[in-house]
Amino acid sequence: MVFTIHRYIFRDLIRMFLLSTVAMTVIMSLGSILAPIQKFGVGPKQVLSLLRYSMPVSLTYVLPMAALFATSLAYGRFASDNELDACRASGISKMTIIYPAFCLGLAVAIANLLLSFYVVPTYVSKAERSIRANAKQIVFKNIQRQGYYNIKGSKFTLVADDAVPSKNLLIGVNVIETDKQRPISLTSCDQAYVKFDTHKHYNNVTIVAKNAFQLDQQGQAYTQELPIKAKLPSLLEDNINFQKLEELKEIRLDPINFEPIRKKAYKAYNQMVLEIIAQDINATNGKLYQMKNDDFVVLLSADEVIAKNGKIALINNIELYEYTLNEEGRADKLIRKWICKAAYVKVEKNTPTTQIYITLDGASWKSNSGYSGVPTRYSIHNLLFPSSISSRLSNTDIIDSIEKNMPLITKPSPSLSSMVKDFKREILLTNADIDTEIQSRLVFGIGCIIIVLMSAAFGIFNKGGHPLAGFGLSSIPAAALIIFMSMGKNITNNAAHRHGAVKVDSNGIIVMWLGLALLFIACFWIYRKLLKT
């Protein structure tokens, strides 16, 4: 008898649950892919892929709502048709009748936890790779449609009169480089070729400008071929909300694996390297300072060296000598002597094996054989660290390297101090996000059981009213739980943003679990009242 009743209720529940799940999922999935379609200009094939990949994300929110809808309607109809009274007259208790609702709530809770911790991150990663695989189509389609493309995650905006995707060719090209929304350089050329290098977590885009004119703050220059490189970072995978449980734990243990932290850490690391070099050059007291690459040795001197704004500026009486390398890797024969008005030392790559380069402006040179010249600008690339510095930076862990070498800088610049504080703050904020994300997933998953049980009770209480009234009442506990989760996240994040914060505040997490506890108490009170009627 009981099995027959359970099967009868289950049939009603599952039918309504599946129908509402399908309808809500399609609506939410279509809404979620509108932004990528407008933003990236993806084609019909990619739209279908994104729709498939976005469905698990939608299901995370749809399943609890569909369960509420199905439970309130199924039990409301069961009670309004007096079937509940017939069961009670047969000696079947209300708690026995509620059993199917508990099973549905438990199934939704398990599904929600699996989706949020494992399935959604996997499908978000697939969606990201789908977009990256079609980076060429996205870039060229945007240029054909709008005439420009802002390379996301970089400082470059690409403007072109026409695009020929079959030849990877752009015609009438201007590449604008900006810093904090201010233009700092303009590269203009008749033609440019675009090359894409796809990696697991990002894309490299290289724009090869032919017969290019470049204009920046130091002046203008002409070159026959100028490569401009930009990195397209992850759009979704770098969001804590779309990480697997194991990935969240890995980020907590090793923050440098998380791209937003890594980016700020390398920025601070590169500035620190420049300031160490500047300090070493100043320590020579006007004597020649040596650096070298695989081709020659560079000796330079200046009256003063200042590190700021991501570069080292050499000031007054700047001299630079280029020597050939002997077999022992030391300076041998003089190649050229340079005298210039301004010289800058900059970092060449954002990697642990950072190399540096020197740019000379307003320079003139004289060779050992008596020849001389006055180029507009001259750059020396791929310079290695002096051995005294490379030994300090031998630690492969960027964060540890910063911690150990910062005390060695006598007077760190305000910009370096700000960068170090910035990346440490990013670690704190990321840890706060990780803690709140894990706890909110658990709270919401467990809460699904409670809100589905409350939905069944509200459906029974509302047996004489409108069928949707029970669903409306059932939405109130769900909304309350979401409010407590949002409050908890905000409390924790605000505490992490607070000046001087050094650890994650657990008060926000307590608020989340407090909301779940209050919901459980409310459910207990409702069922106590239900059993008395």
Protein backbone atom coordinates (compact mmCIF):
# COMPACT_ATOMS: atom_id res chain seq x y z
CA MET A 1 0.00 0.00 0.00
CA VAL A 2 2.72 2.48 1.04
CA PHE A 3 4.85 1.54 -1.96
CA THR A 4 1.87 2.20 -4.26
CA ILE A 5 1.32 5.66 -2.72
CA HIS A 6 5.02 6.52 -3.02
CA ARG A 7 5.12 5.39 -6.64
CA TYR A 8 2.00 7.47 -7.36
CA ILE A 9 3.49 10.62 -5.81
CA PHE A 10 6.89 10.00 -7.41
CA ARG A 11 5.28 9.76 -10.84
CA ASP A 12 3.63 13.15 -10.36
CA LEU A 13 6.77 14.72 -8.91
CA ILE A 14 9.16 13.48 -11.59
CA ARG A 15 6.87 14.46 -14.47
CA MET A 16 6.46 18.03 -13.22
CA PHE A 17 10.12 18.24 -12.20
CA LEU A 18 11.45 17.17 -15.61
CA LEU A 19 9.09 19.44 -17.57
CA SER A 20 9.92 22.50 -15.46
CA THR A 21 13.66 21.67 -15.56
CA VAL A 22 13.70 21.50 -19.36
CA ALA A 23 11.74 24.74 -19.77
CA MET A 24 13.79 26.74 -17.24
CA THR A 25 17.13 25.37 -18.50
CA VAL A 26 16.45 26.34 -22.10
CA ILE A 27 15.36 29.85 -21.09
CA MET A 28 18.36 30.44 -18.79
CA SER A 29 20.88 28.92 -21.22
CA LEU A 30 19.69 31.11 -24.07
CA GLY A 31 19.98 34.15 -21.81
CA SER A 32 23.48 33.23 -20.65
CA ILE A 33 24.97 32.96 -24.16
CA LEU A 34 23.62 36.29 -25.42
CA ALA A 35 26.56 38.18 -23.89
CA PRO A 36 29.28 35.99 -25.55
CA ILE A 37 27.45 36.24 -28.89
CA GLN A 38 27.35 40.03 -28.70
CA LYS A 39 30.83 40.33 -27.19
CA PHE A 40 32.79 37.93 -29.40
CA GLY A 41 30.65 37.66 -32.53
CA VAL A 42 30.68 33.85 -32.54
CA GLY A 43 29.10 31.93 -35.40
CA PRO A 44 26.10 29.53 -35.42
CA LYS A 45 28.25 26.46 -34.79
CA GLN A 46 29.86 28.07 -31.75
CA VAL A 47 26.42 29.19 -30.50
CA LEU A 48 25.30 25.56 -30.32
CA SER A 49 28.52 24.59 -28.54
CA LEU A 50 28.13 27.41 -26.02
CA LEU A 51 24.50 26.43 -25.47
CA ARG A 52 25.56 22.87 -24.67
CA TYR A 53 28.36 24.02 -22.37
CA SER A 54 26.18 26.57 -20.54
CA MET A 55 23.43 24.09 -19.63
CA PRO A 56 25.24 22.65 -16.56
CA VAL A 57 25.70 26.20 -15.25
CA SER A 58 21.98 26.84 -15.69
CA LEU A 59 21.08 23.51 -14.06
CA THR A 60 22.83 24.57 -10.85
CA TYR A 61 20.11 27.19 -10.32
CA VAL A 62 17.29 25.50 -12.25
CA LEU A 63 17.19 22.16 -10.35
CA PRO A 64 16.27 23.66 -6.93
CA MET A 65 13.64 25.95 -8.48
CA ALA A 66 12.18 23.12 -10.56
CA ALA A 67 12.07 20.91 -7.46
CA LEU A 68 10.24 23.64 -5.52
CA PHE A 69 7.75 24.10 -8.34
CA ALA A 70 7.12 20.37 -8.79
CA THR A 71 6.85 19.62 -5.06
CA SER A 72 4.48 22.47 -4.21
CA LEU A 73 2.19 21.64 -7.16
CA ALA A 74 2.27 17.87 -6.68
CA TYR A 75 1.54 17.96 -2.94
CA GLY A 76 -0.92 20.84 -3.34
CA ARG A 77 -2.92 18.81 -5.86
CA PHE A 78 -2.57 15.68 -3.70
CA ALA A 79 -4.06 17.54 -0.73
CA SER A 80 -6.76 19.47 -2.66
CA ASP A 81 -8.10 16.24 -4.19
CA ASN A 82 -8.51 14.86 -0.65
CA GLU A 83 -6.05 12.07 -1.42
CA LEU A 84 -4.04 13.10 1.64
CA ASP A 85 -7.12 12.69 3.85
CA ALA A 86 -7.79 9.26 2.32
CA CYS A 87 -4.23 8.18 3.11
CA ARG A 88 -4.51 9.39 6.69
CA ALA A 89 -7.83 7.52 7.05
CA SER A 90 -5.99 4.40 5.90
CA GLY A 91 -3.44 4.82 8.69
CA ILE A 92 -0.62 6.28 6.57
CA SER A 93 1.16 9.14 8.37
CA LYS A 94 1.99 12.47 6.79
CA MET A 95 5.73 11.87 7.22
CA THR A 96 5.41 8.69 5.16
CA ILE A 97 3.72 10.68 2.39
CA ILE A 98 6.50 13.31 2.57
CA TYR A 99 9.14 10.64 1.84
CA PRO A 100 9.12 11.19 -1.98
CA ALA A 101 9.72 14.93 -1.44
CA PHE A 102 12.70 14.11 0.81
CA CYS A 103 14.13 11.77 -1.86
CA LEU A 104 13.73 14.46 -4.53
CA GLY A 105 15.37 17.05 -2.27
CA LEU A 106 18.26 14.70 -1.52
CA ALA A 107 18.73 13.92 -5.23
CA VAL A 108 18.70 17.65 -6.09
CA ALA A 109 21.19 18.37 -3.28
CA ILE A 110 23.62 15.69 -4.51
CA ALA A 111 23.20 16.80 -8.12
CA ASN A 112 23.75 20.45 -7.13
CA LEU A 113 26.95 19.65 -5.21
CA LEU A 114 28.31 17.55 -8.09
CA LEU A 115 27.42 20.25 -10.59
CA SER A 116 28.95 23.12 -8.63
CA PHE A 117 32.12 21.31 -7.55
CA TYR A 118 32.91 19.28 -10.68
CA VAL A 119 30.58 19.40 -13.69
CA VAL A 120 30.19 23.18 -14.11
CA PRO A 121 33.98 23.90 -13.95
CA THR A 122 34.58 21.17 -16.55
CA TYR A 123 32.01 22.55 -18.98
CA VAL A 124 33.13 26.15 -18.41
CA SER A 125 36.65 25.02 -19.34
CA LYS A 126 35.27 23.40 -22.51
CA ALA A 127 33.36 26.58 -23.39
CA GLU A 128 36.55 28.59 -22.85
CA ARG A 129 38.52 26.28 -25.13
CA SER A 130 35.78 26.51 -27.77
CA ILE A 131 36.09 30.30 -27.79
CA ARG A 132 39.90 30.15 -27.82
CA ALA A 133 39.89 27.65 -30.70
CA ASN A 134 37.91 30.16 -32.74
CA ALA A 135 39.98 33.20 -31.75
CA LYS A 136 40.88 33.92 -35.36
CA GLN A 137 37.25 33.89 -36.48
CA ILE A 138 36.24 36.10 -33.55
CA VAL A 139 38.95 38.71 -34.21
CA PHE A 140 38.37 38.92 -37.96
CA LYS A 141 34.59 38.90 -37.66
CA ASN A 142 34.69 41.79 -35.19
CA ILE A 143 36.98 43.78 -37.47
CA GLN A 144 34.76 43.14 -40.50
CA ARG A 145 31.66 44.07 -38.52
CA GLN A 146 32.92 47.00 -36.40
CA GLY A 147 36.24 48.01 -37.95
CA TYR A 148 38.16 47.39 -34.73
CA TYR A 149 38.82 44.81 -32.04
CA ASN A 150 39.84 45.48 -28.46
CA ILE A 151 42.16 42.60 -27.54
CA LYS A 152 40.73 41.49 -24.20
CA GLY A 153 43.21 41.33 -21.33
CA SER A 154 45.84 43.38 -23.17
CA LYS A 155 46.63 47.06 -23.76
CA PHE A 156 46.09 46.91 -27.52
CA THR A 157 43.21 47.96 -29.73
CA LEU A 158 43.36 46.78 -33.33
CA VAL A 159 41.81 49.06 -35.99
CA ALA A 160 41.71 48.05 -39.68
CA ASP A 161 40.00 49.16 -42.88
CA ASP A 162 39.54 45.59 -44.14
CA ALA A 163 40.27 41.99 -43.18
CA VAL A 164 41.10 38.94 -45.30
CA PRO A 165 40.68 35.91 -43.00
CA SER A 166 41.83 33.39 -45.62
CA LYS A 167 45.27 35.05 -45.70
CA ASN A 168 45.37 36.17 -42.04
CA LEU A 169 45.76 39.66 -43.49
CA LEU A 170 44.61 43.07 -42.28
CA ILE A 171 44.66 46.14 -44.51
CA GLY A 172 45.02 49.76 -43.40
CA VAL A 173 46.04 48.91 -39.85
CA ASN A 174 46.47 51.02 -36.71
CA VAL A 175 47.48 49.41 -33.43
CA ILE A 176 46.81 51.62 -30.40
CA GLU A 177 48.54 50.81 -27.11
CA THR A 178 46.99 52.32 -24.00
CA ASP A 179 47.88 52.52 -20.34
CA LYS A 180 45.05 53.29 -17.90
CA GLN A 181 42.88 54.33 -20.88
CA ARG A 182 45.52 56.81 -22.09
CA PRO A 183 47.20 56.18 -25.47
CA ILE A 184 50.96 55.67 -25.14
CA SER A 185 51.89 54.50 -28.65
CA LEU A 186 50.47 54.22 -32.16
CA THR A 187 51.70 51.83 -34.83
CA SER A 188 50.43 52.42 -38.37
CA CYS A 189 51.01 50.32 -41.50
CA ASP A 190 49.40 49.42 -44.81
CA GLN A 191 49.29 45.69 -44.12
CA ALA A 192 49.67 43.39 -41.14
CA TYR A 193 49.58 39.63 -40.69
CA VAL A 194 47.94 38.11 -37.62
CA LYS A 195 49.28 34.89 -36.11
CA PHE A 196 47.52 32.87 -33.38
CA ASP A 197 49.30 30.54 -30.99
CA THR A 198 46.76 28.54 -28.97
CA HIS A 199 47.69 27.26 -25.51
CA LYS A 200 45.71 25.41 -22.88
CA HIS A 201 44.79 28.44 -20.77
CA TYR A 202 45.38 31.38 -23.12
CA ASN A 203 46.09 32.51 -26.69
CA ASN A 204 49.07 34.44 -27.96
CA VAL A 205 48.32 36.88 -30.78
CA THR A 206 51.17 38.31 -32.85
CA ILE A 207 50.47 41.20 -35.22
CA VAL A 208 53.31 41.51 -37.74
CA ALA A 209 53.16 45.04 -39.14
CA LYS A 210 54.86 45.57 -42.53
CA ASN A 211 56.57 48.93 -43.27
CA ALA A 212 55.33 50.30 -39.99
CA PHE A 213 55.58 53.77 -38.49
CA GLN A 214 55.57 53.87 -34.69
CA LEU A 215 54.83 57.00 -32.68
CA ASP A 216 55.21 57.21 -28.90
CA GLN A 217 56.33 59.58 -26.18
CA GLN A 218 60.00 59.26 -27.17
CA GLY A 219 59.36 60.17 -30.81
CA GLN A 220 58.76 58.28 -34.04
CA ALA A 221 60.48 55.41 -35.79
CA TYR A 222 60.18 53.38 -39.00
CA THR A 223 60.75 49.65 -39.39
CA GLN A 224 60.19 47.21 -42.25
CA GLU A 225 58.70 44.55 -39.98
CA LEU A 226 57.44 45.09 -36.44
CA PRO A 227 55.94 42.22 -34.42
CA ILE A 228 53.44 43.24 -31.73
CA LYS A 229 52.57 40.50 -29.27
CA ALA A 230 49.53 40.30 -27.01
CA LYS A 231 48.26 37.60 -24.69
CA LEU A 232 44.55 36.75 -24.53
CA PRO A 233 44.00 35.47 -20.99
CA SER A 234 41.30 33.16 -19.78
CA LEU A 235 37.85 34.78 -19.74
CA LEU A 236 36.04 32.43 -17.36
CA GLU A 237 38.54 29.92 -15.99
CA ASP A 238 40.26 32.64 -13.93
CA ASN A 239 37.06 33.14 -11.98
CA ILE A 240 36.96 31.41 -8.58
CA ASN A 241 33.27 30.64 -9.16
CA PHE A 242 34.21 28.21 -11.96
CA GLN A 243 36.95 26.17 -10.25
CA LYS A 244 36.80 22.53 -9.18
CA LEU A 245 37.25 21.67 -5.52
CA GLU A 246 40.76 20.29 -6.14
CA GLU A 247 41.69 23.42 -8.10
CA LEU A 248 40.47 25.65 -5.26
CA LYS A 249 42.63 23.71 -2.81
CA GLU A 250 45.64 23.95 -5.16
CA ILE A 251 45.21 27.72 -5.48
CA ARG A 252 45.04 28.00 -1.69
CA LEU A 253 48.26 25.99 -1.32
CA ASP A 254 50.11 27.64 -4.23
CA PRO A 255 48.55 31.04 -5.11
CA ILE A 256 50.92 31.63 -8.02
CA ASN A 257 48.95 29.03 -10.03
CA PHE A 258 46.02 31.46 -10.21
CA GLU A 259 46.43 33.86 -13.14
CA PRO A 260 45.17 37.09 -11.45
CA ILE A 261 47.67 36.54 -8.59
CA ARG A 262 50.44 35.45 -10.95
CA LYS A 263 49.97 38.56 -13.08
CA LYS A 264 50.31 40.93 -10.11
CA ALA A 265 53.14 38.91 -8.58
CA TYR A 266 55.20 39.07 -11.80
CA LYS A 267 54.51 42.80 -12.06
CA ALA A 268 55.93 43.31 -8.55
CA TYR A 269 58.76 40.86 -9.28
CA ASN A 270 59.83 42.68 -12.45
CA GLN A 271 59.77 46.06 -10.71
CA MET A 272 61.82 44.59 -7.86
CA VAL A 273 64.39 43.28 -10.36
CA LEU A 274 64.69 46.72 -11.95
CA GLU A 275 65.21 48.38 -8.58
CA ILE A 276 67.88 45.85 -7.62
CA ILE A 277 69.70 46.61 -10.88
CA ALA A 278 69.30 50.37 -10.30
CA GLN A 279 70.69 50.00 -6.79
CA ASP A 280 73.68 48.02 -8.08
CA ILE A 281 74.41 50.58 -10.81
CA ASN A 282 74.26 53.43 -8.29
CA ALA A 283 76.60 51.48 -6.01
CA THR A 284 79.35 51.60 -8.69
CA ASN A 285 79.67 55.40 -8.07
CA GLY A 286 79.97 56.31 -11.72
CA LYS A 287 82.09 53.32 -12.71
CA LEU A 288 81.12 51.02 -15.59
CA TYR A 289 78.41 48.46 -14.91
CA GLN A 290 78.49 45.22 -16.92
CA MET A 291 75.68 43.22 -18.53
CA LYS A 292 75.82 40.79 -21.44
CA ASN A 293 73.84 38.63 -23.82
CA ASP A 294 74.90 35.76 -26.07
CA ASP A 295 76.56 38.11 -28.59
CA PHE A 296 78.44 40.83 -26.72
CA VAL A 297 79.16 42.55 -23.41
CA VAL A 298 77.62 45.90 -22.50
CA LEU A 299 79.32 48.33 -20.11
CA LEU A 300 77.39 51.43 -19.08
CA SER A 301 77.64 54.34 -16.69
CA ALA A 302 75.57 57.37 -15.69
CA ASP A 303 75.59 60.01 -12.94
CA GLU A 304 72.27 58.83 -11.52
CA VAL A 305 69.87 55.93 -11.96
CA ILE A 306 66.19 56.05 -10.97
CA ALA A 307 63.73 53.14 -11.11
CA LYS A 308 60.10 54.14 -11.68
CA ASN A 309 57.05 53.33 -13.80
CA GLY A 310 58.34 49.90 -14.83
CA LYS A 311 61.73 51.08 -16.12
CA ILE A 312 65.14 52.36 -15.04
CA ALA A 313 66.02 55.87 -16.24
CA LEU A 314 69.73 56.71 -16.61
CA ILE A 315 70.37 60.40 -16.04
CA ASN A 316 73.29 62.68 -17.08
CA ASN A 317 76.61 61.74 -18.70
CA ILE A 318 75.34 58.46 -20.10
CA GLU A 319 77.97 56.29 -21.77
CA LEU A 320 77.60 52.76 -23.12
CA TYR A 321 80.24 50.46 -24.59
CA GLU A 322 79.71 47.28 -26.61
CA TYR A 323 82.46 44.67 -26.53
CA THR A 324 82.85 41.31 -28.20
CA LEU A 325 82.85 38.18 -26.03
CA ASN A 326 85.99 36.10 -25.61
CA GLU A 327 85.99 32.35 -25.00
CA GLU A 328 85.73 32.89 -21.26
CA GLY A 329 82.59 35.05 -21.66
CA ARG A 330 84.36 38.33 -20.82
CA ALA A 331 84.72 41.65 -22.65
CA ASP A 332 87.31 41.42 -25.44
CA LYS A 333 87.36 44.01 -28.27
CA LEU A 334 85.44 47.29 -28.37
CA ILE A 335 82.69 47.35 -31.00
CA ARG A 336 81.05 50.73 -30.42
CA LYS A 337 80.91 53.53 -27.91
CA TRP A 338 77.53 55.22 -27.40
CA ILE A 339 76.76 58.65 -25.97
CA CYS A 340 73.08 59.52 -25.56
CA LYS A 341 70.68 62.01 -24.01
CA ALA A 342 68.45 59.40 -22.39
CA ALA A 343 68.61 55.68 -21.73
CA TYR A 344 66.11 53.23 -20.23
CA VAL A 345 66.41 49.70 -18.90
CA LYS A 346 63.21 47.64 -19.04
CA VAL A 347 62.04 44.08 -18.40
CA GLU A 348 61.54 42.02 -21.54
CA LYS A 349 59.32 39.09 -20.46
CA ASN A 350 56.96 38.26 -17.62
CA THR A 351 58.58 34.95 -16.72
CA PRO A 352 60.80 33.72 -13.88
CA THR A 353 63.74 33.82 -16.35
CA THR A 354 63.14 37.50 -17.05
CA GLN A 355 65.54 39.16 -19.46
CA ILE A 356 66.10 42.87 -19.83
CA TYR A 357 66.78 45.33 -22.61
CA ILE A 358 68.25 48.81 -22.94
CA THR A 359 66.84 51.58 -25.14
CA LEU A 360 69.00 54.58 -26.09
CA ASP A 361 67.36 57.83 -27.25
CA GLY A 362 69.11 60.73 -28.97
CA ALA A 363 72.21 58.54 -29.27
CA SER A 364 75.38 58.80 -31.31
CA TRP A 365 78.01 56.10 -31.69
CA LYS A 366 81.61 55.73 -32.70
CA SER A 367 83.29 52.45 -33.56
CA ASN A 368 86.82 51.37 -32.75
CA SER A 369 87.74 51.76 -36.43
CA GLY A 370 86.65 55.40 -36.50
CA TYR A 371 83.20 55.09 -38.06
CA SER A 372 80.31 56.96 -36.42
CA GLY A 373 76.52 57.31 -36.70
CA VAL A 374 73.45 59.01 -35.24
CA PRO A 375 70.43 56.63 -35.24
CA THR A 376 66.99 57.77 -34.05
CA ARG A 377 66.81 55.04 -31.42
CA TYR A 378 68.83 51.96 -30.55
CA SER A 379 67.86 48.94 -28.45
CA ILE A 380 69.91 46.07 -27.03
CA HIS A 381 67.79 42.98 -26.26
CA ASN A 382 68.11 39.65 -24.43
CA LEU A 383 70.49 40.95 -21.77
CA LEU A 384 71.02 38.54 -18.89
CA PHE A 385 71.15 39.38 -15.23
CA PRO A 386 74.59 40.02 -13.75
CA SER A 387 75.74 37.01 -11.73
CA SER A 388 75.43 38.98 -8.46
CA ILE A 389 71.69 39.46 -9.13
CA SER A 390 70.89 36.09 -10.72
CA SER A 391 72.22 34.31 -7.63
CA ARG A 392 69.71 36.22 -5.49
CA LEU A 393 66.85 35.35 -7.85
CA SER A 394 67.67 31.66 -8.20
CA ASN A 395 64.54 30.72 -6.22
CA THR A 396 61.90 29.57 -8.73
CA ASP A 397 59.02 30.54 -6.41
CA ILE A 398 58.19 34.12 -7.32
CA ILE A 399 56.44 34.91 -4.03
CA ASP A 400 59.35 33.58 -1.95
CA SER A 401 61.80 35.45 -4.16
CA ILE A 402 59.96 38.72 -3.54
CA GLU A 403 59.83 38.08 0.22
CA LYS A 404 63.57 37.34 0.40
CA ASN A 405 64.83 40.11 -1.87
CA MET A 406 62.62 43.04 -0.85
CA PRO A 407 64.65 43.65 2.36
CA LEU A 408 67.82 43.89 0.22
CA ILE A 409 66.54 47.05 -1.49
CA THR A 410 67.66 50.03 0.60
CA LYS A 411 64.97 52.46 -0.55
CA PRO A 412 62.16 50.68 -2.44
CA SER A 413 60.10 53.04 -4.56
CA PRO A 414 56.48 53.79 -3.62
CA SER A 415 55.37 52.02 -6.81
CA LEU A 416 57.20 48.82 -5.82
CA SER A 417 55.79 48.90 -2.29
CA SER A 418 52.34 49.45 -3.78
CA MET A 419 52.76 46.51 -6.19
CA VAL A 420 53.87 44.17 -3.41
CA LYS A 421 50.93 45.21 -1.23
CA ASP A 422 48.64 44.81 -4.25
CA PHE A 423 49.60 41.21 -4.98
CA LYS A 424 49.52 40.27 -1.28
CA ARG A 425 46.06 41.81 -1.06
CA GLU A 426 45.08 39.80 -4.16
CA ILE A 427 46.15 36.60 -2.37
CA LEU A 428 44.04 37.55 0.66
CA LEU A 429 41.02 38.39 -1.51
CA THR A 430 41.40 35.14 -3.46
CA ASN A 431 41.59 33.10 -0.25
CA ALA A 432 38.45 34.87 0.98
CA ASP A 433 36.71 34.06 -2.31
CA ILE A 434 37.81 30.41 -2.08
CA ASP A 435 36.50 30.01 1.47
CA THR A 436 33.16 31.68 0.75
CA GLU A 437 32.75 29.82 -2.55
CA ILE A 438 33.31 26.38 -1.00
CA GLN A 439 31.06 27.12 1.96
CA SER A 440 28.29 28.69 -0.15
CA ARG A 441 28.22 25.64 -2.43
CA LEU A 442 27.89 23.36 0.59
CA VAL A 443 25.25 25.55 2.25
CA PHE A 444 23.16 25.83 -0.91
CA GLY A 445 23.48 22.10 -1.67
CA ILE A 446 22.37 21.04 1.82
CA GLY A 447 19.72 23.76 1.84
CA CYS A 448 18.09 22.18 -1.22
CA ILE A 449 16.82 19.32 0.97
CA ILE A 450 15.26 21.70 3.48
CA ILE A 451 13.59 24.03 0.98
CA VAL A 452 12.09 21.07 -0.96
CA LEU A 453 10.65 19.66 2.29
CA MET A 454 9.24 23.09 3.15
CA SER A 455 7.79 23.31 -0.37
CA ALA A 456 5.89 20.05 0.19
CA ALA A 457 4.51 21.40 3.48
CA PHE A 458 3.44 24.70 1.90
CA GLY A 459 1.73 22.78 -0.90
CA ILE A 460 -0.31 20.83 1.66
CA PHE A 461 -1.17 23.96 3.67
CA ASN A 462 -2.31 25.71 0.49
CA LYS A 463 -4.59 22.89 -0.67
CA GLY A 464 -7.61 25.17 -1.04
CA GLY A 465 -5.76 28.07 -2.73
CA HIS A 466 -4.23 28.79 -6.10
CA PRO A 467 -1.66 26.12 -7.12
CA LEU A 468 1.06 28.76 -7.69
CA ALA A 469 0.55 30.26 -4.22
CA GLY A 470 2.35 27.27 -2.67
CA PHE A 471 5.25 27.77 -5.05
CA GLY A 472 5.36 31.48 -4.14
CA LEU A 473 5.51 30.64 -0.43
CA SER A 474 8.18 28.00 -1.10
CA SER A 475 10.36 30.60 -2.82
CA ILE A 476 10.59 32.69 0.36
CA PRO A 477 12.86 30.22 2.27
CA ALA A 478 15.02 29.80 -0.84
CA ALA A 479 15.33 33.57 -1.19
CA ALA A 480 16.17 33.89 2.52
CA LEU A 481 18.95 31.29 2.17
CA ILE A 482 20.40 33.11 -0.85
CA ILE A 483 20.28 36.40 1.10
CA PHE A 484 22.21 34.85 4.00
CA MET A 485 24.76 33.44 1.53
CA SER A 486 25.18 36.84 -0.13
CA MET A 487 25.49 38.54 3.26
CA GLY A 488 28.17 36.04 4.30
CA LYS A 489 30.14 36.58 1.10
CA ASN A 490 29.93 40.35 1.43
CA ILE A 491 31.01 40.30 5.09
CA THR A 492 34.05 38.15 4.30
CA ASN A 493 35.01 40.10 1.18
CA ASN A 494 34.56 43.48 2.88
CA ALA A 495 36.73 42.32 5.76
CA ALA A 496 39.41 41.22 3.27
CA HIS A 497 39.27 44.63 1.58
CA ARG A 498 39.61 46.40 4.92
CA HIS A 499 42.91 48.24 5.33
CA GLY A 500 45.41 46.21 7.31
CA ALA A 501 43.59 42.87 6.93
CA VAL A 502 46.03 39.94 6.93
CA LYS A 503 43.74 36.90 7.22
CA VAL A 504 40.32 35.75 6.10
CA ASP A 505 37.47 36.78 8.41
CA SER A 506 35.29 33.76 9.28
CA ASN A 507 32.27 35.83 10.41
CA GLY A 508 30.79 35.76 6.91
CA ILE A 509 31.02 31.97 6.78
CA ILE A 510 29.30 31.77 10.16
CA VAL A 511 26.47 33.93 8.75
CA MET A 512 25.99 31.47 5.86
CA TRP A 513 25.67 28.47 8.17
CA LEU A 514 23.51 30.51 10.54
CA GLY A 515 21.08 31.07 7.65
CA LEU A 516 20.97 27.31 7.01
CA ALA A 517 20.43 26.64 10.73
CA LEU A 518 17.55 29.14 10.88
CA LEU A 519 16.04 27.54 7.80
CA PHE A 520 16.25 24.12 9.47
CA ILE A 521 14.54 25.50 12.61
CA ALA A 522 11.78 27.03 10.45
CA CYS A 523 11.32 23.70 8.65
CA PHE A 524 11.15 21.86 11.98
CA TRP A 525 8.49 24.30 13.25
CA ILE A 526 6.41 24.02 10.06
CA TYR A 527 6.42 20.21 10.17
CA ARG A 528 5.57 20.21 13.82
CA LYS A 529 2.55 22.34 12.99
CA LEU A 530 1.73 20.15 9.96
CA LEU A 531 1.72 16.96 12.04
CA LYS A 532 -0.68 18.53 14.56
CA THR A 533 -3.32 19.36 11.93
